[in-house]
Structure formats: C-alpha cells, structure tokens
Amino acid sequence: MTNMELENAGRPKARSLEKIFDDLRVLAQSAGALHDISAIVYRDWIVAIDLREGKVADDPEKRWSTTKLNSNEFMLLLGLMVQSASDRTYSVVNLENDFADTADKLLREFHDRLTLDSMPDFSDPAKIERALGAAAREAIYYGADSFLSPSASPENSWGLADVVQAVEMT
C-alpha cells in the first residue's frame, strides 16, 4: 500500500506537520492551559488504590490504554506552553472546555502524520532515501524526555532553555 493509498483509507486527508504543530502551539498557549494540562496528567497518570483491598482500583484497560498521554506528549505540550507570553496561560482556570479532547485529537493526528511520512513508497526507489529522514522524526520525538534521565551526566544533560530553544526551532 502506498502512502497515498494509506492516506485515503477511510481517513480525512492528512494535514501538514507544520499546521498540526501550529494548532498544538495555539492550544498549549491558550488561557488556562497549565490547569488543563494538569487535568490531563491527573486523568492519565494518577492511579487509584483501594487501601482496604490493597490493590489498584482502576480498570486495567484504562491503566494500559495507548490513548493516554505519554511523557513525551506531556513534555511537548509543556514545552509549547512555557513559551507563552501571556500570563493567562497560567492564571486562568477554565472549568468547562474541550482542551483534553482537542489535545488528544491533535496528538493522534501528529503521530499519524509522522507515521505516514515515514512509510517508504517502494514503487519509486528514488523516494525511499528521502523517507529515511522523515522516519527519524518519530525516533527523535520519542527520545524527547531522555534529558530527564537521572543517569544523564551533567555535561550531556539539557536545561529548560535548551528544550524551549529546540521546540522553537520546530
């Protein structure tokens, strides 16, 4: 199946990575984004424990779902959020909005675009080499939290300024 066939297989036409990323930036810098991102972290990362039974009370399907925000997605949203020039990003609390649904949709679209771009078109050998760079983007994306590793040496670790600069360059 070629990229074009995959792109049209029951899905809407994929938008460009730049447009998806711009929408993620607007969302992450919207009023109340800090609180909304915190709510997503609570939704996806907090585990309920039944102290009487001494076991996890959450449904296993919820705990192991691939639809949950992962640490790289969290770092992406947080990195975009800290670039906001408005204090409304941090100081406003929106009680009812669709931030989480929009973030989930945009991050899914982001992954789909990366996957679609990284699939080589074997019908045209000249295009295979160009697809290798696109394939590396997914690996780079998933390596984004490596700077937080406690085993990283001080001379190899990144600071927050480096993260913000890296996000600005994209």
C-alpha atoms as a PDB file:
ATOM      1  CA  MET A   1       0.000   0.000   0.000  1.00  0.00           C
ATOM      2  CA  THR A   2       1.481   3.366  -0.993  1.00  0.00           C
ATOM      3  CA  ASN A   3       1.455   6.489   1.175  1.00  0.00           C
ATOM      4  CA  MET A   4      -1.328   7.940  -0.960  1.00  0.00           C
ATOM      5  CA  GLU A   5      -3.485   4.828  -0.562  1.00  0.00           C
ATOM      6  CA  LEU A   6      -2.875   4.779   3.192  1.00  0.00           C
ATOM      7  CA  GLU A   7      -3.691   8.456   3.415  1.00  0.00           C
ATOM      8  CA  ASN A   8      -7.066   7.910   1.727  1.00  0.00           C
ATOM      9  CA  ALA A   9      -8.021   4.677   3.502  1.00  0.00           C
ATOM     10  CA  GLY A  10     -11.104   5.963   5.333  1.00  0.00           C
ATOM     11  CA  ARG A  11      -9.368   8.901   6.987  1.00  0.00           C
ATOM     12  CA  PRO A  12      -9.565  12.583   6.222  1.00  0.00           C
ATOM     13  CA  LYS A  13      -6.682  13.953   4.169  1.00  0.00           C
ATOM     14  CA  ALA A  14      -3.702  14.387   6.452  1.00  0.00           C
ATOM     15  CA  ARG A  15      -2.706  17.962   7.171  1.00  0.00           C
ATOM     16  CA  SER A  16       0.889  19.091   7.077  1.00  0.00           C
ATOM     17  CA  LEU A  17       3.032  18.579  10.157  1.00  0.00           C
ATOM     18  CA  GLU A  18       3.508  22.352  10.435  1.00  0.00           C
ATOM     19  CA  LYS A  19      -0.250  23.007  10.599  1.00  0.00           C
ATOM     20  CA  ILE A  20      -0.757  20.325  13.233  1.00  0.00           C
ATOM     21  CA  PHE A  21       2.157  21.679  15.269  1.00  0.00           C
ATOM     22  CA  ASP A  22       0.821  25.249  14.978  1.00  0.00           C
ATOM     23  CA  ASP A  23      -2.551  24.058  16.324  1.00  0.00           C
ATOM     24  CA  LEU A  24      -0.780  22.298  19.207  1.00  0.00           C
ATOM     25  CA  ARG A  25       1.108  25.516  19.995  1.00  0.00           C
ATOM     26  CA  VAL A  26      -2.101  27.591  19.993  1.00  0.00           C
ATOM     27  CA  LEU A  27      -3.787  25.042  22.248  1.00  0.00           C
ATOM     28  CA  ALA A  28      -0.838  24.803  24.665  1.00  0.00           C
ATOM     29  CA  GLN A  29      -0.654  28.596  24.938  1.00  0.00           C
ATOM     30  CA  SER A  30      -4.390  29.142  25.386  1.00  0.00           C
ATOM     31  CA  ALA A  31      -5.859  30.673  28.534  1.00  0.00           C
ATOM     32  CA  GLY A  32      -5.787  28.148  31.368  1.00  0.00           C
ATOM     33  CA  ALA A  33      -3.556  25.652  29.545  1.00  0.00           C
ATOM     34  CA  LEU A  34      -1.466  24.912  32.660  1.00  0.00           C
ATOM     35  CA  HIS A  35      -4.542  23.778  34.561  1.00  0.00           C
ATOM     36  CA  ASP A  36      -5.880  21.861  31.576  1.00  0.00           C
ATOM     37  CA  ILE A  37      -2.582  20.019  31.095  1.00  0.00           C
ATOM     38  CA  SER A  38      -2.591  19.252  34.830  1.00  0.00           C
ATOM     39  CA  ALA A  39      -6.079  17.780  34.465  1.00  0.00           C
ATOM     40  CA  ILE A  40      -4.855  15.543  31.628  1.00  0.00           C
ATOM     41  CA  VAL A  41      -1.943  14.366  33.788  1.00  0.00           C
ATOM     42  CA  TYR A  42      -4.405  13.547  36.577  1.00  0.00           C
ATOM     43  CA  ARG A  43      -6.698  11.781  34.099  1.00  0.00           C
ATOM     44  CA  ASP A  44      -3.934   9.650  32.601  1.00  0.00           C
ATOM     45  CA  TRP A  45      -1.222   9.186  35.216  1.00  0.00           C
ATOM     46  CA  ILE A  46      -2.894   9.062  38.625  1.00  0.00           C
ATOM     47  CA  VAL A  47      -3.673   5.532  39.757  1.00  0.00           C
ATOM     48  CA  ALA A  48      -6.462   4.886  42.287  1.00  0.00           C
ATOM     49  CA  ILE A  49      -5.545   2.428  45.038  1.00  0.00           C
ATOM     50  CA  ASP A  50      -8.100   0.576  47.173  1.00  0.00           C
ATOM     51  CA  LEU A  51      -6.381   0.665  50.558  1.00  0.00           C
ATOM     52  CA  ARG A  52      -8.729  -1.908  52.110  1.00  0.00           C
ATOM     53  CA  GLU A  53      -8.172  -4.437  49.332  1.00  0.00           C
ATOM     54  CA  GLY A  54      -4.543  -3.432  48.878  1.00  0.00           C
ATOM     55  CA  LYS A  55      -4.768  -3.293  45.087  1.00  0.00           C
ATOM     56  CA  VAL A  56      -5.158  -0.910  42.204  1.00  0.00           C
ATOM     57  CA  ALA A  57      -8.801   0.075  41.797  1.00  0.00           C
ATOM     58  CA  ASP A  58      -8.602   1.432  38.251  1.00  0.00           C
ATOM     59  CA  ASP A  59      -9.796  -0.609  35.302  1.00  0.00           C
ATOM     60  CA  PRO A  60      -6.776  -2.326  33.659  1.00  0.00           C
ATOM     61  CA  GLU A  61      -7.927  -1.223  30.195  1.00  0.00           C
ATOM     62  CA  LYS A  62      -7.779   2.405  31.353  1.00  0.00           C
ATOM     63  CA  ARG A  63      -4.381   1.946  33.009  1.00  0.00           C
ATOM     64  CA  TRP A  64      -2.730   0.323  29.987  1.00  0.00           C
ATOM     65  CA  SER A  65      -4.522   2.245  27.242  1.00  0.00           C
ATOM     66  CA  THR A  66      -2.437   3.612  24.383  1.00  0.00           C
ATOM     67  CA  THR A  67      -4.781   6.599  24.194  1.00  0.00           C
ATOM     68  CA  LYS A  68      -3.299   8.029  27.386  1.00  0.00           C
ATOM     69  CA  LEU A  69      -0.924  10.979  27.306  1.00  0.00           C
ATOM     70  CA  ASN A  70       2.650   9.720  27.412  1.00  0.00           C
ATOM     71  CA  SER A  71       5.590  11.594  28.906  1.00  0.00           C
ATOM     72  CA  ASN A  72       6.796  12.824  25.511  1.00  0.00           C
ATOM     73  CA  GLU A  73       3.381  14.261  24.667  1.00  0.00           C
ATOM     74  CA  PHE A  74       3.285  15.887  28.099  1.00  0.00           C
ATOM     75  CA  MET A  75       6.741  17.401  27.544  1.00  0.00           C
ATOM     76  CA  LEU A  76       5.713  18.640  24.093  1.00  0.00           C
ATOM     77  CA  LEU A  77       2.617  20.389  25.471  1.00  0.00           C
ATOM     78  CA  LEU A  78       4.562  21.746  28.439  1.00  0.00           C
ATOM     79  CA  GLY A  79       7.420  22.989  26.227  1.00  0.00           C
ATOM     80  CA  LEU A  80       4.977  24.810  23.980  1.00  0.00           C
ATOM     81  CA  MET A  81       3.106  26.189  26.996  1.00  0.00           C
ATOM     82  CA  VAL A  82       6.168  27.756  28.664  1.00  0.00           C
ATOM     83  CA  GLN A  83       6.784  29.802  25.504  1.00  0.00           C
ATOM     84  CA  SER A  84       3.543  31.708  26.033  1.00  0.00           C
ATOM     85  CA  ALA A  85       3.930  35.456  26.517  1.00  0.00           C
ATOM     86  CA  SER A  86       0.535  35.690  28.239  1.00  0.00           C
ATOM     87  CA  ASP A  87       0.091  35.108  31.956  1.00  0.00           C
ATOM     88  CA  ARG A  88      -3.465  33.922  31.168  1.00  0.00           C
ATOM     89  CA  THR A  89      -1.925  30.597  30.158  1.00  0.00           C
ATOM     90  CA  TYR A  90      -1.039  30.053  33.830  1.00  0.00           C
ATOM     91  CA  SER A  91      -3.505  32.180  35.795  1.00  0.00           C
ATOM     92  CA  VAL A  92      -6.913  31.284  34.349  1.00  0.00           C
ATOM     93  CA  VAL A  93      -8.914  28.200  35.285  1.00  0.00           C
ATOM     94  CA  ASN A  94     -11.404  27.005  32.679  1.00  0.00           C
ATOM     95  CA  LEU A  95     -13.929  24.725  34.325  1.00  0.00           C
ATOM     96  CA  GLU A  96     -15.644  23.503  31.166  1.00  0.00           C
ATOM     97  CA  ASN A  97     -13.748  23.239  27.888  1.00  0.00           C
ATOM     98  CA  ASP A  98     -12.621  20.701  25.336  1.00  0.00           C
ATOM     99  CA  PHE A  99      -8.856  21.116  25.872  1.00  0.00           C
ATOM    100  CA  ALA A 100      -8.230  17.417  26.612  1.00  0.00           C
ATOM    101  CA  ASP A 101     -10.285  16.203  23.649  1.00  0.00           C
ATOM    102  CA  THR A 102      -8.564  18.665  21.324  1.00  0.00           C
ATOM    103  CA  ALA A 103      -5.107  17.733  22.657  1.00  0.00           C
ATOM    104  CA  ASP A 104      -5.859  14.021  22.211  1.00  0.00           C
ATOM    105  CA  LYS A 105      -7.097  14.605  18.643  1.00  0.00           C
ATOM    106  CA  LEU A 106      -4.118  16.782  17.649  1.00  0.00           C
ATOM    107  CA  LEU A 107      -1.542  14.424  19.176  1.00  0.00           C
ATOM    108  CA  ARG A 108      -3.152  11.442  17.389  1.00  0.00           C
ATOM    109  CA  GLU A 109      -3.065  13.414  14.139  1.00  0.00           C
ATOM    110  CA  PHE A 110       0.577  14.323  14.845  1.00  0.00           C
ATOM    111  CA  HIS A 111       1.505  10.623  15.259  1.00  0.00           C
ATOM    112  CA  ASP A 112      -0.481   9.644  12.165  1.00  0.00           C
ATOM    113  CA  ARG A 113       1.316  12.296  10.104  1.00  0.00           C
ATOM    114  CA  LEU A 114       4.736  11.141  11.347  1.00  0.00           C
ATOM    115  CA  THR A 115       3.873   7.528  10.581  1.00  0.00           C
ATOM    116  CA  LEU A 116       2.515   8.387   7.154  1.00  0.00           C
ATOM    117  CA  ASP A 117       5.611  10.431   6.285  1.00  0.00           C
ATOM    118  CA  SER A 118       7.976   7.681   7.393  1.00  0.00           C
ATOM    119  CA  MET A 119       6.498   4.918   5.223  1.00  0.00           C
ATOM    120  CA  PRO A 120       8.649   4.441   2.123  1.00  0.00           C
ATOM    121  CA  ASP A 121       6.996   4.144  -1.254  1.00  0.00           C
ATOM    122  CA  PHE A 122       8.639   1.024  -2.648  1.00  0.00           C
ATOM    123  CA  SER A 123       7.132   1.634  -6.078  1.00  0.00           C
ATOM    124  CA  ASP A 124       9.611   4.509  -6.539  1.00  0.00           C
ATOM    125  CA  PRO A 125      13.123   3.669  -5.260  1.00  0.00           C
ATOM    126  CA  ALA A 126      14.208   7.312  -5.552  1.00  0.00           C
ATOM    127  CA  LYS A 127      11.705   8.255  -2.833  1.00  0.00           C
ATOM    128  CA  ILE A 128      12.880   5.624  -0.331  1.00  0.00           C
ATOM    129  CA  GLU A 129      16.011   7.540   0.674  1.00  0.00           C
ATOM    130  CA  ARG A 130      14.028  10.754   1.239  1.00  0.00           C
ATOM    131  CA  ALA A 131      11.646   8.888   3.577  1.00  0.00           C
ATOM    132  CA  LEU A 132      14.502   7.933   5.915  1.00  0.00           C
ATOM    133  CA  GLY A 133      14.729  11.450   7.345  1.00  0.00           C
ATOM    134  CA  ALA A 134      11.002  11.520   7.951  1.00  0.00           C
ATOM    135  CA  ALA A 135      11.245   8.151   9.722  1.00  0.00           C
ATOM    136  CA  ALA A 136      13.836   9.596  12.080  1.00  0.00           C
ATOM    137  CA  ARG A 137      11.388  12.235  13.306  1.00  0.00           C
ATOM    138  CA  GLU A 138       9.369   9.615  15.196  1.00  0.00           C
ATOM    139  CA  ALA A 139      12.506   8.295  16.908  1.00  0.00           C
ATOM    140  CA  ILE A 140      13.570  11.833  17.773  1.00  0.00           C
ATOM    141  CA  TYR A 141      10.098  12.577  19.140  1.00  0.00           C
ATOM    142  CA  TYR A 142      10.137   9.514  21.390  1.00  0.00           C
ATOM    143  CA  GLY A 143      13.609  10.371  22.648  1.00  0.00           C
ATOM    144  CA  ALA A 144      12.499  13.811  23.814  1.00  0.00           C
ATOM    145  CA  ASP A 145      12.442  13.018  27.517  1.00  0.00           C
ATOM    146  CA  SER A 146      15.910  11.449  27.583  1.00  0.00           C
ATOM    147  CA  PHE A 147      17.330  14.658  29.036  1.00  0.00           C
ATOM    148  CA  LEU A 148      15.297  13.945  32.179  1.00  0.00           C
ATOM    149  CA  SER A 149      17.036  10.627  32.741  1.00  0.00           C
ATOM    150  CA  PRO A 150      18.737  10.527  36.166  1.00  0.00           C
ATOM    151  CA  SER A 151      21.654   8.649  34.617  1.00  0.00           C
ATOM    152  CA  ALA A 152      22.480  11.530  32.272  1.00  0.00           C
ATOM    153  CA  SER A 153      25.810  13.108  33.059  1.00  0.00           C
ATOM    154  CA  PRO A 154      25.860  16.880  33.758  1.00  0.00           C
ATOM    155  CA  GLU A 155      27.878  17.630  30.633  1.00  0.00           C
ATOM    156  CA  ASN A 156      25.343  15.778  28.448  1.00  0.00           C
ATOM    157  CA  SER A 157      22.112  16.935  30.079  1.00  0.00           C
ATOM    158  CA  TRP A 158      19.893  19.632  28.657  1.00  0.00           C
ATOM    159  CA  GLY A 159      18.427  22.509  30.588  1.00  0.00           C
ATOM    160  CA  LEU A 160      14.952  24.028  30.187  1.00  0.00           C
ATOM    161  CA  ALA A 161      16.406  26.774  27.960  1.00  0.00           C
ATOM    162  CA  ASP A 162      17.686  24.112  25.563  1.00  0.00           C
ATOM    163  CA  VAL A 163      14.265  22.427  25.475  1.00  0.00           C
ATOM    164  CA  VAL A 164      12.481  25.691  24.748  1.00  0.00           C
ATOM    165  CA  GLN A 165      15.014  26.517  22.026  1.00  0.00           C
ATOM    166  CA  ALA A 166      14.585  23.051  20.474  1.00  0.00           C
ATOM    167  CA  VAL A 167      10.796  23.438  20.449  1.00  0.00           C
ATOM    168  CA  GLU A 168      11.080  26.936  18.946  1.00  0.00           C
ATOM    169  CA  MET A 169      13.191  25.562  16.097  1.00  0.00           C
ATOM    170  CA  THR A 170      10.461  23.130  15.021  1.00  0.00           C
END
